[in-house]
Amino acid sequence: MEFVDRLLTCADCGGEFIFTAGEQLFFFDKQFKNDPKRCKPCKSKRSAVASRPGSGPAAAGLSRTETRTECSECGVQTTVPFKPTQGRPVLCRQCFQTKQRAAVPATATAATTTATAELVAAAATTDLGTMSQKLLTAAAQAPQA
């Protein structure tokens, strides 16, 4: 497919700008369906306004849904940024962080470290056939995450 420079009109300032063949190729590669609507200066202004602190949904008068609820673990009153669904536990920040830390058991990490050290030591003293067998055995015995 051959691309040719095209003249487009900016939706913000009404000025004309060139949609180059290279830009068209980029849009084609990324599978963008629409041509650009704004010239580069207007696009830069628009993205600068959007990236300013305080320009998000809260600045526009939209607020996040805050729901008061009780923690399923410790029973303390907390607020969450979503509407809880029936039958699913809701955790306060402290219980959530505790549960996250407990998700990766320390014993699995220690066992993996020990097994790795044993394999490295074995690699220094054995041939490849024995090493492959030890790797397969270690992999079969490793705890599944």
C-alpha atoms as a PDB file:
ATOM      1  CA  MET A   1       0.000   0.000   0.000  1.00  0.00           C
ATOM      2  CA  GLU A   2       1.403   3.391  -0.958  1.00  0.00           C
ATOM      3  CA  PHE A   3       0.898   6.437   1.241  1.00  0.00           C
ATOM      4  CA  VAL A   4       0.899  10.054   0.045  1.00  0.00           C
ATOM      5  CA  ASP A   5       1.015  13.220   2.175  1.00  0.00           C
ATOM      6  CA  ARG A   6      -2.521  14.508   2.846  1.00  0.00           C
ATOM      7  CA  LEU A   7      -3.828  17.894   3.961  1.00  0.00           C
ATOM      8  CA  LEU A   8      -6.198  17.713   6.986  1.00  0.00           C
ATOM      9  CA  THR A   9      -8.060  20.359   8.994  1.00  0.00           C
ATOM     10  CA  CYS A  10      -7.518  20.680  12.769  1.00  0.00           C
ATOM     11  CA  ALA A  11     -10.673  20.181  14.860  1.00  0.00           C
ATOM     12  CA  ASP A  12      -9.513  22.743  17.463  1.00  0.00           C
ATOM     13  CA  CYS A  13      -7.938  25.677  15.611  1.00  0.00           C
ATOM     14  CA  GLY A  14      -9.328  25.048  12.125  1.00  0.00           C
ATOM     15  CA  GLY A  15      -5.861  25.293  10.587  1.00  0.00           C
ATOM     16  CA  GLU A  16      -4.587  22.901   7.989  1.00  0.00           C
ATOM     17  CA  PHE A  17      -1.818  20.416   8.708  1.00  0.00           C
ATOM     18  CA  ILE A  18      -0.026  17.709   6.735  1.00  0.00           C
ATOM     19  CA  PHE A  19      -0.659  14.063   7.559  1.00  0.00           C
ATOM     20  CA  THR A  20       2.613  12.709   6.179  1.00  0.00           C
ATOM     21  CA  ALA A  21       3.104   9.387   4.447  1.00  0.00           C
ATOM     22  CA  GLY A  22       5.309   8.268   7.348  1.00  0.00           C
ATOM     23  CA  GLU A  23       2.594   9.107   9.875  1.00  0.00           C
ATOM     24  CA  GLN A  24       0.055   7.256   7.742  1.00  0.00           C
ATOM     25  CA  LEU A  25       2.328   4.210   7.687  1.00  0.00           C
ATOM     26  CA  PHE A  26       2.621   4.407  11.475  1.00  0.00           C
ATOM     27  CA  PHE A  27      -1.176   4.618  11.830  1.00  0.00           C
ATOM     28  CA  PHE A  28      -1.535   1.663   9.445  1.00  0.00           C
ATOM     29  CA  ASP A  29       1.028  -0.443  11.373  1.00  0.00           C
ATOM     30  CA  LYS A  30      -0.710   0.310  14.682  1.00  0.00           C
ATOM     31  CA  GLN A  31      -4.086  -0.463  13.070  1.00  0.00           C
ATOM     32  CA  PHE A  32      -5.505   2.945  14.000  1.00  0.00           C
ATOM     33  CA  LYS A  33      -8.863   3.373  12.278  1.00  0.00           C
ATOM     34  CA  ASN A  34      -9.184   7.199  12.331  1.00  0.00           C
ATOM     35  CA  ASP A  35      -7.005   9.963  10.942  1.00  0.00           C
ATOM     36  CA  PRO A  36      -5.632  12.526  13.419  1.00  0.00           C
ATOM     37  CA  LYS A  37      -8.056  15.355  14.264  1.00  0.00           C
ATOM     38  CA  ARG A  38      -5.607  17.906  15.634  1.00  0.00           C
ATOM     39  CA  CYS A  39      -2.420  19.568  14.441  1.00  0.00           C
ATOM     40  CA  LYS A  40       0.725  18.992  16.500  1.00  0.00           C
ATOM     41  CA  PRO A  41       0.547  22.310  18.453  1.00  0.00           C
ATOM     42  CA  CYS A  42      -3.105  21.716  19.422  1.00  0.00           C
ATOM     43  CA  LYS A  43      -2.358  18.103  20.326  1.00  0.00           C
ATOM     44  CA  SER A  44       0.547  19.251  22.525  1.00  0.00           C
ATOM     45  CA  LYS A  45      -1.641  21.840  24.280  1.00  0.00           C
ATOM     46  CA  ARG A  46      -4.374  19.275  24.849  1.00  0.00           C
ATOM     47  CA  SER A  47      -2.010  16.660  26.293  1.00  0.00           C
ATOM     48  CA  ALA A  48      -0.336  19.292  28.528  1.00  0.00           C
ATOM     49  CA  VAL A  49      -3.717  20.241  29.985  1.00  0.00           C
ATOM     50  CA  ALA A  50      -4.614  16.586  30.542  1.00  0.00           C
ATOM     51  CA  SER A  51      -1.336  15.805  32.321  1.00  0.00           C
ATOM     52  CA  ARG A  52      -1.572  18.699  34.820  1.00  0.00           C
ATOM     53  CA  PRO A  53      -2.128  17.692  38.445  1.00  0.00           C
ATOM     54  CA  GLY A  54      -5.729  18.203  39.435  1.00  0.00           C
ATOM     55  CA  SER A  55      -7.062  17.762  35.923  1.00  0.00           C
ATOM     56  CA  GLY A  56      -8.528  14.296  36.450  1.00  0.00           C
ATOM     57  CA  PRO A  57     -12.130  13.265  37.053  1.00  0.00           C
ATOM     58  CA  ALA A  58     -12.181  14.826  40.536  1.00  0.00           C
ATOM     59  CA  ALA A  59     -11.331  18.255  39.082  1.00  0.00           C
ATOM     60  CA  ALA A  60     -14.226  17.885  36.666  1.00  0.00           C
ATOM     61  CA  GLY A  61     -16.619  17.424  39.577  1.00  0.00           C
ATOM     62  CA  LEU A  62     -16.714  13.634  39.310  1.00  0.00           C
ATOM     63  CA  SER A  63     -15.743  11.768  42.432  1.00  0.00           C
ATOM     64  CA  ARG A  64     -14.836   8.189  43.057  1.00  0.00           C
ATOM     65  CA  THR A  65     -17.465   6.041  44.737  1.00  0.00           C
ATOM     66  CA  GLU A  66     -16.456   5.592  48.360  1.00  0.00           C
ATOM     67  CA  THR A  67     -18.414   2.929  50.219  1.00  0.00           C
ATOM     68  CA  ARG A  68     -18.311   2.534  53.978  1.00  0.00           C
ATOM     69  CA  THR A  69     -18.113  -1.105  54.999  1.00  0.00           C
ATOM     70  CA  GLU A  70     -16.735  -3.456  57.614  1.00  0.00           C
ATOM     71  CA  CYS A  71     -13.507  -5.419  57.136  1.00  0.00           C
ATOM     72  CA  SER A  72     -14.189  -9.140  56.767  1.00  0.00           C
ATOM     73  CA  GLU A  73     -11.014 -10.045  58.698  1.00  0.00           C
ATOM     74  CA  CYS A  74     -10.790  -7.675  61.683  1.00  0.00           C
ATOM     75  CA  GLY A  75     -14.245  -6.032  61.712  1.00  0.00           C
ATOM     76  CA  VAL A  76     -12.999  -2.428  61.677  1.00  0.00           C
ATOM     77  CA  GLN A  77     -15.014   0.224  59.761  1.00  0.00           C
ATOM     78  CA  THR A  78     -13.307   1.195  56.502  1.00  0.00           C
ATOM     79  CA  THR A  79     -14.033   2.871  53.183  1.00  0.00           C
ATOM     80  CA  VAL A  80     -13.342   1.233  49.843  1.00  0.00           C
ATOM     81  CA  PRO A  81     -13.288   2.834  46.346  1.00  0.00           C
ATOM     82  CA  PHE A  82     -15.826   0.368  44.932  1.00  0.00           C
ATOM     83  CA  LYS A  83     -19.248  -1.070  45.699  1.00  0.00           C
ATOM     84  CA  PRO A  84     -18.690  -4.461  47.367  1.00  0.00           C
ATOM     85  CA  THR A  85     -20.433  -7.451  45.829  1.00  0.00           C
ATOM     86  CA  GLN A  86     -22.347 -10.009  47.829  1.00  0.00           C
ATOM     87  CA  GLY A  87     -20.354 -12.987  49.069  1.00  0.00           C
ATOM     88  CA  ARG A  88     -16.897 -11.500  48.462  1.00  0.00           C
ATOM     89  CA  PRO A  89     -14.708 -10.483  51.415  1.00  0.00           C
ATOM     90  CA  VAL A  90     -13.821  -6.807  51.837  1.00  0.00           C
ATOM     91  CA  LEU A  91     -10.551  -6.028  53.587  1.00  0.00           C
ATOM     92  CA  CYS A  92      -9.231  -2.878  55.220  1.00  0.00           C
ATOM     93  CA  ARG A  93      -5.862  -1.581  54.024  1.00  0.00           C
ATOM     94  CA  GLN A  94      -3.893  -3.279  56.808  1.00  0.00           C
ATOM     95  CA  CYS A  95      -5.522  -6.713  56.347  1.00  0.00           C
ATOM     96  CA  PHE A  96      -5.155  -6.450  52.566  1.00  0.00           C
ATOM     97  CA  GLN A  97      -1.429  -5.717  52.842  1.00  0.00           C
ATOM     98  CA  THR A  98      -0.966  -8.536  55.372  1.00  0.00           C
ATOM     99  CA  LYS A  99      -2.756 -10.959  53.064  1.00  0.00           C
ATOM    100  CA  GLN A 100      -0.612  -9.820  50.101  1.00  0.00           C
ATOM    101  CA  ARG A 101       2.611 -10.469  52.034  1.00  0.00           C
ATOM    102  CA  ALA A 102       1.372 -13.909  53.088  1.00  0.00           C
ATOM    103  CA  ALA A 103       0.613 -14.857  49.475  1.00  0.00           C
ATOM    104  CA  VAL A 104       4.311 -15.602  48.830  1.00  0.00           C
ATOM    105  CA  PRO A 105       5.302 -18.004  51.609  1.00  0.00           C
ATOM    106  CA  ALA A 106       8.842 -17.606  52.903  1.00  0.00           C
ATOM    107  CA  THR A 107       9.319 -21.387  53.004  1.00  0.00           C
ATOM    108  CA  ALA A 108       8.847 -21.658  49.241  1.00  0.00           C
ATOM    109  CA  THR A 109      11.434 -18.945  48.677  1.00  0.00           C
ATOM    110  CA  ALA A 110      13.891 -20.619  51.061  1.00  0.00           C
ATOM    111  CA  ALA A 111      13.328 -24.026  49.443  1.00  0.00           C
ATOM    112  CA  THR A 112      13.919 -22.573  45.983  1.00  0.00           C
ATOM    113  CA  THR A 113      17.110 -20.859  47.131  1.00  0.00           C
ATOM    114  CA  THR A 114      18.380 -24.081  48.711  1.00  0.00           C
ATOM    115  CA  ALA A 115      17.549 -26.139  45.618  1.00  0.00           C
ATOM    116  CA  THR A 116      19.290 -23.595  43.381  1.00  0.00           C
ATOM    117  CA  ALA A 117      22.416 -23.675  45.539  1.00  0.00           C
ATOM    118  CA  GLU A 118      22.443 -27.491  45.426  1.00  0.00           C
ATOM    119  CA  LEU A 119      22.085 -27.472  41.634  1.00  0.00           C
ATOM    120  CA  VAL A 120      24.916 -24.979  41.222  1.00  0.00           C
ATOM    121  CA  ALA A 121      27.159 -27.090  43.450  1.00  0.00           C
ATOM    122  CA  ALA A 122      26.197 -30.238  41.535  1.00  0.00           C
ATOM    123  CA  ALA A 123      26.905 -28.553  38.201  1.00  0.00           C
ATOM    124  CA  ALA A 124      30.506 -28.005  39.174  1.00  0.00           C
ATOM    125  CA  THR A 125      31.103 -31.697  39.853  1.00  0.00           C
ATOM    126  CA  THR A 126      28.863 -33.705  37.481  1.00  0.00           C
ATOM    127  CA  ASP A 127      28.359 -34.285  33.776  1.00  0.00           C
ATOM    128  CA  LEU A 128      25.426 -32.958  31.723  1.00  0.00           C
ATOM    129  CA  GLY A 129      23.379 -36.200  31.781  1.00  0.00           C
ATOM    130  CA  THR A 130      23.374 -36.342  35.574  1.00  0.00           C
ATOM    131  CA  MET A 131      22.735 -32.595  35.732  1.00  0.00           C
ATOM    132  CA  SER A 132      19.653 -32.876  33.478  1.00  0.00           C
ATOM    133  CA  GLN A 133      18.247 -35.653  35.652  1.00  0.00           C
ATOM    134  CA  LYS A 134      18.787 -33.574  38.812  1.00  0.00           C
ATOM    135  CA  LEU A 135      17.087 -30.560  37.186  1.00  0.00           C
ATOM    136  CA  LEU A 136      14.045 -32.650  36.263  1.00  0.00           C
ATOM    137  CA  THR A 137      13.862 -34.117  39.767  1.00  0.00           C
ATOM    138  CA  ALA A 138      14.169 -30.676  41.397  1.00  0.00           C
ATOM    139  CA  ALA A 139      11.494 -29.236  39.112  1.00  0.00           C
ATOM    140  CA  ALA A 140       9.102 -32.058  39.962  1.00  0.00           C
ATOM    141  CA  GLN A 141       9.621 -31.526  43.697  1.00  0.00           C
ATOM    142  CA  ALA A 142       9.404 -27.706  43.626  1.00  0.00           C
ATOM    143  CA  PRO A 143       6.314 -26.199  45.255  1.00  0.00           C
ATOM    144  CA  GLN A 144       3.772 -24.964  42.716  1.00  0.00           C
ATOM    145  CA  ALA A 145       2.797 -21.277  42.970  1.00  0.00           C
END
